[in-house]
Amino acid sequence: MPKFIIEREIPQAGSFDIKHLKEISKKSKEVLCTLGTDIQWIHSYVAGDKIYCIYMAKDKEILFEHARLGGFPANSITEVSNIIDPEWGE
């Protein structure tokens, strides 16, 4: 399955407490369970006014459906074309 980065613009997301972040995670997992095996949440980065989510999914459409059902934004969805790391520089 392709890997995607989802950018979610959520004002003051970086200042959310652990309880609020857990609530968001719980809602996301509930929606994932309804969508089946064509989508998988890997992890997310919370920074400033945004949450950047890494997902594996069959296509962008299921990611937009996840956002719609969960009630969270998906301001942009970009397919990852490659992954590099420091070892590439050796």
PDB file of N, CA and C in Angstrom:
ATOM      1  N   MET A   1       0.841  -1.189   0.000  1.00  0.00           N
ATOM      2  CA  MET A   1       0.000   0.000   0.000  1.00  0.00           C
ATOM      3  C   MET A   1       0.878   1.242   0.000  1.00  0.00           C
ATOM      4  N   PRO A   2       0.466   2.271  -0.690  1.00  0.00           N
ATOM      5  CA  PRO A   2       1.215   3.529  -0.678  1.00  0.00           C
ATOM      6  C   PRO A   2       1.190   4.190   0.702  1.00  0.00           C
ATOM      7  N   LYS A   3       2.207   4.990   0.950  1.00  0.00           N
ATOM      8  CA  LYS A   3       2.306   5.757   2.191  1.00  0.00           C
ATOM      9  C   LYS A   3       1.955   7.209   1.875  1.00  0.00           C
ATOM     10  N   PHE A   4       1.249   7.878   2.805  1.00  0.00           N
ATOM     11  CA  PHE A   4       0.812   9.254   2.624  1.00  0.00           C
ATOM     12  C   PHE A   4       1.127  10.101   3.850  1.00  0.00           C
ATOM     13  N   ILE A   5       1.307  11.395   3.603  1.00  0.00           N
ATOM     14  CA  ILE A   5       1.399  12.392   4.670  1.00  0.00           C
ATOM     15  C   ILE A   5       0.138  13.240   4.583  1.00  0.00           C
ATOM     16  N   ILE A   6      -0.570  13.354   5.697  1.00  0.00           N
ATOM     17  CA  ILE A   6      -1.767  14.188   5.769  1.00  0.00           C
ATOM     18  C   ILE A   6      -1.440  15.386   6.642  1.00  0.00           C
ATOM     19  N   GLU A   7      -1.707  16.570   6.132  1.00  0.00           N
ATOM     20  CA  GLU A   7      -1.526  17.796   6.909  1.00  0.00           C
ATOM     21  C   GLU A   7      -2.898  18.248   7.389  1.00  0.00           C
ATOM     22  N   ARG A   8      -3.037  18.333   8.704  1.00  0.00           N
ATOM     23  CA  ARG A   8      -4.294  18.771   9.311  1.00  0.00           C
ATOM     24  C   ARG A   8      -4.049  20.101  10.023  1.00  0.00           C
ATOM     25  N   GLU A   9      -4.714  21.144   9.570  1.00  0.00           N
ATOM     26  CA  GLU A   9      -4.604  22.454  10.224  1.00  0.00           C
ATOM     27  C   GLU A   9      -5.614  22.503  11.364  1.00  0.00           C
ATOM     28  N   ILE A  10      -5.078  22.501  12.586  1.00  0.00           N
ATOM     29  CA  ILE A  10      -5.897  22.507  13.798  1.00  0.00           C
ATOM     30  C   ILE A  10      -5.315  23.562  14.734  1.00  0.00           C
ATOM     31  N   PRO A  11      -5.979  24.712  14.851  1.00  0.00           N
ATOM     32  CA  PRO A  11      -5.436  25.794  15.677  1.00  0.00           C
ATOM     33  C   PRO A  11      -5.023  25.318  17.066  1.00  0.00           C
ATOM     34  N   GLN A  12      -3.817  25.700  17.452  1.00  0.00           N
ATOM     35  CA  GLN A  12      -3.229  25.436  18.773  1.00  0.00           C
ATOM     36  C   GLN A  12      -3.074  23.943  19.084  1.00  0.00           C
ATOM     37  N   ALA A  13      -2.982  23.102  18.057  1.00  0.00           N
ATOM     38  CA  ALA A  13      -2.821  21.662  18.275  1.00  0.00           C
ATOM     39  C   ALA A  13      -1.599  21.371  19.139  1.00  0.00           C
ATOM     40  N   GLY A  14      -0.538  22.148  18.972  1.00  0.00           N
ATOM     41  CA  GLY A  14       0.686  21.931  19.730  1.00  0.00           C
ATOM     42  C   GLY A  14       0.539  22.154  21.219  1.00  0.00           C
ATOM     43  N   SER A  15      -0.535  22.826  21.616  1.00  0.00           N
ATOM     44  CA  SER A  15      -0.744  23.068  23.051  1.00  0.00           C
ATOM     45  C   SER A  15      -1.812  22.150  23.645  1.00  0.00           C
ATOM     46  N   PHE A  16      -2.311  21.194  22.856  1.00  0.00           N
ATOM     47  CA  PHE A  16      -3.301  20.254  23.389  1.00  0.00           C
ATOM     48  C   PHE A  16      -2.672  19.404  24.477  1.00  0.00           C
ATOM     49  N   ASP A  17      -3.423  19.156  25.550  1.00  0.00           N
ATOM     50  CA  ASP A  17      -2.915  18.280  26.600  1.00  0.00           C
ATOM     51  C   ASP A  17      -3.075  16.810  26.178  1.00  0.00           C
ATOM     52  N   ILE A  18      -2.473  15.937  26.958  1.00  0.00           N
ATOM     53  CA  ILE A  18      -2.484  14.514  26.658  1.00  0.00           C
ATOM     54  C   ILE A  18      -3.915  13.976  26.564  1.00  0.00           C
ATOM     55  N   LYS A  19      -4.794  14.426  27.423  1.00  0.00           N
ATOM     56  CA  LYS A  19      -6.185  13.957  27.410  1.00  0.00           C
ATOM     57  C   LYS A  19      -6.838  14.261  26.066  1.00  0.00           C
ATOM     58  N   HIS A  20      -6.666  15.482  25.572  1.00  0.00           N
ATOM     59  CA  HIS A  20      -7.259  15.870  24.290  1.00  0.00           C
ATOM     60  C   HIS A  20      -6.663  15.055  23.145  1.00  0.00           C
ATOM     61  N   LEU A  21      -5.351  14.866  23.159  1.00  0.00           N
ATOM     62  CA  LEU A  21      -4.708  14.063  22.111  1.00  0.00           C
ATOM     63  C   LEU A  21      -5.189  12.616  22.142  1.00  0.00           C
ATOM     64  N   LYS A  22      -5.413  12.075  23.329  1.00  0.00           N
ATOM     65  CA  LYS A  22      -5.932  10.715  23.442  1.00  0.00           C
ATOM     66  C   LYS A  22      -7.350  10.623  22.887  1.00  0.00           C
ATOM     67  N   GLU A  23      -8.158  11.661  23.104  1.00  0.00           N
ATOM     68  CA  GLU A  23      -9.522  11.678  22.562  1.00  0.00           C
ATOM     69  C   GLU A  23      -9.495  11.676  21.034  1.00  0.00           C
ATOM     70  N   ILE A  24      -8.596  12.468  20.464  1.00  0.00           N
ATOM     71  CA  ILE A  24      -8.450  12.502  19.004  1.00  0.00           C
ATOM     72  C   ILE A  24      -8.025  11.126  18.499  1.00  0.00           C
ATOM     73  N   SER A  25      -7.066  10.521  19.175  1.00  0.00           N
ATOM     74  CA  SER A  25      -6.578   9.189  18.781  1.00  0.00           C
ATOM     75  C   SER A  25      -7.682   8.147  18.856  1.00  0.00           C
ATOM     76  N   LYS A  26      -8.464   8.208  19.909  1.00  0.00           N
ATOM     77  CA  LYS A  26      -9.558   7.250  20.085  1.00  0.00           C
ATOM     78  C   LYS A  26     -10.558   7.371  18.943  1.00  0.00           C
ATOM     79  N   LYS A  27     -10.944   8.602  18.602  1.00  0.00           N
ATOM     80  CA  LYS A  27     -11.895   8.812  17.515  1.00  0.00           C
ATOM     81  C   LYS A  27     -11.326   8.287  16.195  1.00  0.00           C
ATOM     82  N   SER A  28     -10.055   8.577  15.941  1.00  0.00           N
ATOM     83  CA  SER A  28      -9.418   8.117  14.720  1.00  0.00           C
ATOM     84  C   SER A  28      -9.444   6.597  14.633  1.00  0.00           C
ATOM     85  N   LYS A  29      -9.108   5.922  15.734  1.00  0.00           N
ATOM     86  CA  LYS A  29      -9.095   4.459  15.752  1.00  0.00           C
ATOM     87  C   LYS A  29     -10.488   3.882  15.537  1.00  0.00           C
ATOM     88  N   GLU A  30     -11.516   4.518  16.118  1.00  0.00           N
ATOM     89  CA  GLU A  30     -12.887   4.051  15.924  1.00  0.00           C
ATOM     90  C   GLU A  30     -13.267   4.090  14.443  1.00  0.00           C
ATOM     91  N   VAL A  31     -12.913   5.187  13.777  1.00  0.00           N
ATOM     92  CA  VAL A  31     -13.225   5.323  12.356  1.00  0.00           C
ATOM     93  C   VAL A  31     -12.424   4.309  11.544  1.00  0.00           C
ATOM     94  N   LEU A  32     -11.155   4.119  11.885  1.00  0.00           N
ATOM     95  CA  LEU A  32     -10.331   3.142  11.170  1.00  0.00           C
ATOM     96  C   LEU A  32     -10.955   1.750  11.210  1.00  0.00           C
ATOM     97  N   CYS A  33     -11.524   1.392  12.345  1.00  0.00           N
ATOM     98  CA  CYS A  33     -12.144   0.073  12.484  1.00  0.00           C
ATOM     99  C   CYS A  33     -13.324  -0.098  11.529  1.00  0.00           C
ATOM    100  N   THR A  34     -14.003   0.981  11.212  1.00  0.00           N
ATOM    101  CA  THR A  34     -15.146   0.890  10.299  1.00  0.00           C
ATOM    102  C   THR A  34     -14.709   0.832   8.836  1.00  0.00           C
ATOM    103  N   LEU A  35     -13.485   1.276   8.540  1.00  0.00           N
ATOM    104  CA  LEU A  35     -13.019   1.353   7.155  1.00  0.00           C
ATOM    105  C   LEU A  35     -12.286   0.100   6.680  1.00  0.00           C
ATOM    106  N   GLY A  36     -11.958  -0.788   7.585  1.00  0.00           N
ATOM    107  CA  GLY A  36     -11.344  -2.054   7.185  1.00  0.00           C
ATOM    108  C   GLY A  36      -9.842  -1.991   7.015  1.00  0.00           C
ATOM    109  N   THR A  37      -9.317  -2.875   6.192  1.00  0.00           N
ATOM    110  CA  THR A  37      -7.873  -3.070   6.083  1.00  0.00           C
ATOM    111  C   THR A  37      -7.210  -2.252   4.978  1.00  0.00           C
ATOM    112  N   ASP A  38      -7.955  -1.387   4.313  1.00  0.00           N
ATOM    113  CA  ASP A  38      -7.389  -0.576   3.237  1.00  0.00           C
ATOM    114  C   ASP A  38      -6.745   0.714   3.730  1.00  0.00           C
ATOM    115  N   ILE A  39      -6.648   0.880   5.044  1.00  0.00           N
ATOM    116  CA  ILE A  39      -6.070   2.087   5.633  1.00  0.00           C
ATOM    117  C   ILE A  39      -5.427   1.724   6.966  1.00  0.00           C
ATOM    118  N   GLN A  40      -4.252   2.303   7.223  1.00  0.00           N
ATOM    119  CA  GLN A  40      -3.535   2.047   8.475  1.00  0.00           C
ATOM    120  C   GLN A  40      -2.847   3.326   8.922  1.00  0.00           C
ATOM    121  N   TRP A  41      -3.076   3.718  10.171  1.00  0.00           N
ATOM    122  CA  TRP A  41      -2.425   4.881  10.759  1.00  0.00           C
ATOM    123  C   TRP A  41      -1.084   4.419  11.315  1.00  0.00           C
ATOM    124  N   ILE A  42      -0.007   5.075  10.893  1.00  0.00           N
ATOM    125  CA  ILE A  42       1.336   4.735  11.379  1.00  0.00           C
ATOM    126  C   ILE A  42       1.656   5.553  12.633  1.00  0.00           C
ATOM    127  N   HIS A  43       1.664   6.876  12.515  1.00  0.00           N
ATOM    128  CA  HIS A  43       1.844   7.788  13.640  1.00  0.00           C
ATOM    129  C   HIS A  43       1.603   9.216  13.165  1.00  0.00           C
ATOM    130  N   SER A  44       1.630  10.149  14.115  1.00  0.00           N
ATOM    131  CA  SER A  44       1.411  11.556  13.787  1.00  0.00           C
ATOM    132  C   SER A  44       2.378  12.436  14.558  1.00  0.00           C
ATOM    133  N   TYR A  45       2.676  13.599  13.966  1.00  0.00           N
ATOM    134  CA  TYR A  45       3.507  14.619  14.596  1.00  0.00           C
ATOM    135  C   TYR A  45       2.624  15.812  14.891  1.00  0.00           C
ATOM    136  N   VAL A  46       2.653  16.275  16.135  1.00  0.00           N
ATOM    137  CA  VAL A  46       1.881  17.446  16.544  1.00  0.00           C
ATOM    138  C   VAL A  46       2.859  18.605  16.660  1.00  0.00           C
ATOM    139  N   ALA A  47       2.614  19.677  15.882  1.00  0.00           N
ATOM    140  CA  ALA A  47       3.552  20.802  15.844  1.00  0.00           C
ATOM    141  C   ALA A  47       2.807  22.092  15.518  1.00  0.00           C
ATOM    142  N   GLY A  48       2.898  23.042  16.428  1.00  0.00           N
ATOM    143  CA  GLY A  48       2.270  24.336  16.173  1.00  0.00           C
ATOM    144  C   GLY A  48       0.772  24.191  15.975  1.00  0.00           C
ATOM    145  N   ASP A  49       0.276  24.712  14.857  1.00  0.00           N
ATOM    146  CA  ASP A  49      -1.152  24.664  14.538  1.00  0.00           C
ATOM    147  C   ASP A  49      -1.490  23.523  13.582  1.00  0.00           C
ATOM    148  N   LYS A  50      -0.662  22.487  13.573  1.00  0.00           N
ATOM    149  CA  LYS A  50      -0.885  21.399  12.626  1.00  0.00           C
ATOM    150  C   LYS A  50      -0.598  20.045  13.254  1.00  0.00           C
ATOM    151  N   ILE A  51      -1.232  19.029  12.668  1.00  0.00           N
ATOM    152  CA  ILE A  51      -0.902  17.652  12.968  1.00  0.00           C
ATOM    153  C   ILE A  51      -0.577  16.998  11.632  1.00  0.00           C
ATOM    154  N   TYR A  52       0.606  16.398  11.548  1.00  0.00           N
ATOM    155  CA  TYR A  52       1.056  15.713  10.345  1.00  0.00           C
ATOM    156  C   TYR A  52       0.937  14.211  10.598  1.00  0.00           C
ATOM    157  N   CYS A  53       0.093  13.551   9.813  1.00  0.00           N
ATOM    158  CA  CYS A  53      -0.188  12.139  10.025  1.00  0.00           C
ATOM    159  C   CYS A  53       0.421  11.294   8.912  1.00  0.00           C
ATOM    160  N   ILE A  54       0.989  10.181   9.294  1.00  0.00           N
ATOM    161  CA  ILE A  54       1.553   9.233   8.340  1.00  0.00           C
ATOM    162  C   ILE A  54       0.615   8.023   8.284  1.00  0.00           C
ATOM    163  N   TYR A  55       0.144   7.726   7.087  1.00  0.00           N
ATOM    164  CA  TYR A  55      -0.792   6.629   6.868  1.00  0.00           C
ATOM    165  C   TYR A  55      -0.344   5.765   5.712  1.00  0.00           C
ATOM    166  N   MET A  56      -0.734   4.505   5.755  1.00  0.00           N
ATOM    167  CA  MET A  56      -0.678   3.615   4.610  1.00  0.00           C
ATOM    168  C   MET A  56      -2.140   3.491   4.177  1.00  0.00           C
ATOM    169  N   ALA A  57      -2.386   3.594   2.872  1.00  0.00           N
ATOM    170  CA  ALA A  57      -3.765   3.507   2.400  1.00  0.00           C
ATOM    171  C   ALA A  57      -3.789   3.115   0.933  1.00  0.00           C
ATOM    172  N   LYS A  58      -4.908   2.544   0.527  1.00  0.00           N
ATOM    173  CA  LYS A  58      -5.036   2.126  -0.869  1.00  0.00           C
ATOM    174  C   LYS A  58      -5.084   3.326  -1.806  1.00  0.00           C
ATOM    175  N   ASP A  59      -5.635   4.470  -1.322  1.00  0.00           N
ATOM    176  CA  ASP A  59      -5.725   5.675  -2.145  1.00  0.00           C
ATOM    177  C   ASP A  59      -6.097   6.880  -1.282  1.00  0.00           C
ATOM    178  N   LYS A  60      -6.058   8.064  -1.887  1.00  0.00           N
ATOM    179  CA  LYS A  60      -6.392   9.295  -1.167  1.00  0.00           C
ATOM    180  C   LYS A  60      -7.850   9.336  -0.729  1.00  0.00           C
ATOM    181  N   GLU A  61      -8.728   8.759  -1.521  1.00  0.00           N
ATOM    182  CA  GLU A  61     -10.160   8.837  -1.238  1.00  0.00           C
ATOM    183  C   GLU A  61     -10.506   8.263   0.126  1.00  0.00           C
ATOM    184  N   ILE A  62      -9.893   7.147   0.495  1.00  0.00           N
ATOM    185  CA  ILE A  62     -10.199   6.557   1.799  1.00  0.00           C
ATOM    186  C   ILE A  62      -9.660   7.434   2.928  1.00  0.00           C
ATOM    187  N   LEU A  63      -8.592   8.164   2.680  1.00  0.00           N
ATOM    188  CA  LEU A  63      -8.056   9.093   3.680  1.00  0.00           C
ATOM    189  C   LEU A  63      -9.003  10.276   3.877  1.00  0.00           C
ATOM    190  N   PHE A  64      -9.562  10.785   2.788  1.00  0.00           N
ATOM    191  CA  PHE A  64     -10.554  11.859   2.900  1.00  0.00           C
ATOM    192  C   PHE A  64     -11.810  11.360   3.613  1.00  0.00           C
ATOM    193  N   GLU A  65     -12.202  10.105   3.358  1.00  0.00           N
ATOM    194  CA  GLU A  65     -13.365   9.532   4.027  1.00  0.00           C
ATOM    195  C   GLU A  65     -13.107   9.383   5.525  1.00  0.00           C
ATOM    196  N   HIS A  66     -11.914   8.961   5.895  1.00  0.00           N
ATOM    197  CA  HIS A  66     -11.539   8.865   7.312  1.00  0.00           C
ATOM    198  C   HIS A  66     -11.663  10.225   7.985  1.00  0.00           C
ATOM    199  N   ALA A  67     -11.154  11.264   7.333  1.00  0.00           N
ATOM    200  CA  ALA A  67     -11.233  12.613   7.894  1.00  0.00           C
ATOM    201  C   ALA A  67     -12.688  13.055   8.037  1.00  0.00           C
ATOM    202  N   ARG A  68     -13.488  12.806   7.012  1.00  0.00           N
ATOM    203  CA  ARG A  68     -14.896  13.213   7.045  1.00  0.00           C
ATOM    204  C   ARG A  68     -15.633  12.517   8.187  1.00  0.00           C
ATOM    205  N   LEU A  69     -15.471  11.204   8.288  1.00  0.00           N
ATOM    206  CA  LEU A  69     -16.153  10.449   9.337  1.00  0.00           C
ATOM    207  C   LEU A  69     -15.657  10.814  10.734  1.00  0.00           C
ATOM    208  N   GLY A  70     -14.384  11.146  10.842  1.00  0.00           N
ATOM    209  CA  GLY A  70     -13.811  11.489  12.138  1.00  0.00           C
ATOM    210  C   GLY A  70     -14.054  12.927  12.563  1.00  0.00           C
ATOM    211  N   GLY A  71     -14.414  13.764  11.596  1.00  0.00           N
ATOM    212  CA  GLY A  71     -14.665  15.169  11.916  1.00  0.00           C
ATOM    213  C   GLY A  71     -13.394  15.986  12.055  1.00  0.00           C
ATOM    214  N   PHE A  72     -12.297  15.524  11.433  1.00  0.00           N
ATOM    215  CA  PHE A  72     -11.070  16.300  11.463  1.00  0.00           C
ATOM    216  C   PHE A  72     -10.662  16.680  10.048  1.00  0.00           C
ATOM    217  N   PRO A  73      -9.921  17.782   9.906  1.00  0.00           N
ATOM    218  CA  PRO A  73      -9.555  18.237   8.563  1.00  0.00           C
ATOM    219  C   PRO A  73      -8.476  17.368   7.923  1.00  0.00           C
ATOM    220  N   ALA A  74      -8.463  17.410   6.612  1.00  0.00           N
ATOM    221  CA  ALA A  74      -7.372  16.836   5.819  1.00  0.00           C
ATOM    222  C   ALA A  74      -7.059  17.906   4.776  1.00  0.00           C
ATOM    223  N   ASN A  75      -6.275  18.910   5.205  1.00  0.00           N
ATOM    224  CA  ASN A  75      -6.019  20.066   4.348  1.00  0.00           C
ATOM    225  C   ASN A  75      -5.185  19.720   3.132  1.00  0.00           C
ATOM    226  N   SER A  76      -4.281  18.764   3.286  1.00  0.00           N
ATOM    227  CA  SER A  76      -3.560  18.257   2.124  1.00  0.00           C
ATOM    228  C   SER A  76      -3.163  16.811   2.394  1.00  0.00           C
ATOM    229  N   ILE A  77      -3.169  16.039   1.314  1.00  0.00           N
ATOM    230  CA  ILE A  77      -2.750  14.642   1.370  1.00  0.00           C
ATOM    231  C   ILE A  77      -1.750  14.448   0.245  1.00  0.00           C
ATOM    232  N   THR A  78      -0.541  14.013   0.618  1.00  0.00           N
ATOM    233  CA  THR A  78       0.526  13.845  -0.356  1.00  0.00           C
ATOM    234  C   THR A  78       1.072  12.424  -0.277  1.00  0.00           C
ATOM    235  N   GLU A  79       1.161  11.768  -1.425  1.00  0.00           N
ATOM    236  CA  GLU A  79       1.740  10.430  -1.447  1.00  0.00           C
ATOM    237  C   GLU A  79       3.254  10.531  -1.324  1.00  0.00           C
ATOM    238  N   VAL A  80       3.843   9.693  -0.495  1.00  0.00           N
ATOM    239  CA  VAL A  80       5.289   9.644  -0.292  1.00  0.00           C
ATOM    240  C   VAL A  80       5.898   8.891  -1.475  1.00  0.00           C
ATOM    241  N   SER A  81       6.857   9.519  -2.145  1.00  0.00           N
ATOM    242  CA  SER A  81       7.474   8.868  -3.299  1.00  0.00           C
ATOM    243  C   SER A  81       8.737   8.096  -2.924  1.00  0.00           C
ATOM    244  N   ASN A  82       9.382   8.492  -1.812  1.00  0.00           N
ATOM    245  CA  ASN A  82      10.580   7.805  -1.363  1.00  0.00           C
ATOM    246  C   ASN A  82      10.887   8.238   0.057  1.00  0.00           C
ATOM    247  N   ILE A  83      11.731   7.494   0.725  1.00  0.00           N
ATOM    248  CA  ILE A  83      12.176   7.832   2.081  1.00  0.00           C
ATOM    249  C   ILE A  83      13.697   7.802   2.074  1.00  0.00           C
ATOM    250  N   ILE A  84      14.304   8.866   2.595  1.00  0.00           N
ATOM    251  CA  ILE A  84      15.763   8.898   2.728  1.00  0.00           C
ATOM    252  C   ILE A  84      16.118   9.097   4.192  1.00  0.00           C
ATOM    253  N   ASP A  85      17.354   8.760   4.537  1.00  0.00           N
ATOM    254  CA  ASP A  85      17.835   8.943   5.898  1.00  0.00           C
ATOM    255  C   ASP A  85      19.350   9.174   5.834  1.00  0.00           C
ATOM    256  N   PRO A  86      20.011   9.400   6.981  1.00  0.00           N
ATOM    257  CA  PRO A  86      21.429   9.702   6.983  1.00  0.00           C
ATOM    258  C   PRO A  86      22.301   8.635   6.321  1.00  0.00           C
ATOM    259  N   GLU A  87      21.881   7.389   6.339  1.00  0.00           N
ATOM    260  CA  GLU A  87      22.685   6.321   5.727  1.00  0.00           C
ATOM    261  C   GLU A  87      22.854   6.526   4.226  1.00  0.00           C
ATOM    262  N   TRP A  88      21.934   7.238   3.587  1.00  0.00           N
ATOM    263  CA  TRP A  88      22.038   7.483   2.162  1.00  0.00           C
ATOM    264  C   TRP A  88      23.278   8.320   1.852  1.00  0.00           C
ATOM    265  N   GLY A  89      23.738   9.108   2.825  1.00  0.00           N
ATOM    266  CA  GLY A  89      24.882   9.982   2.617  1.00  0.00           C
ATOM    267  C   GLY A  89      26.227   9.304   2.795  1.00  0.00           C
ATOM    268  N   GLU A  90      26.238   8.033   3.094  1.00  0.00           N
ATOM    269  CA  GLU A  90      27.501   7.325   3.311  1.00  0.00           C
ATOM    270  C   GLU A  90      28.080   6.803   2.023  1.00  0.00           C
TER     271      GLU A  90
END
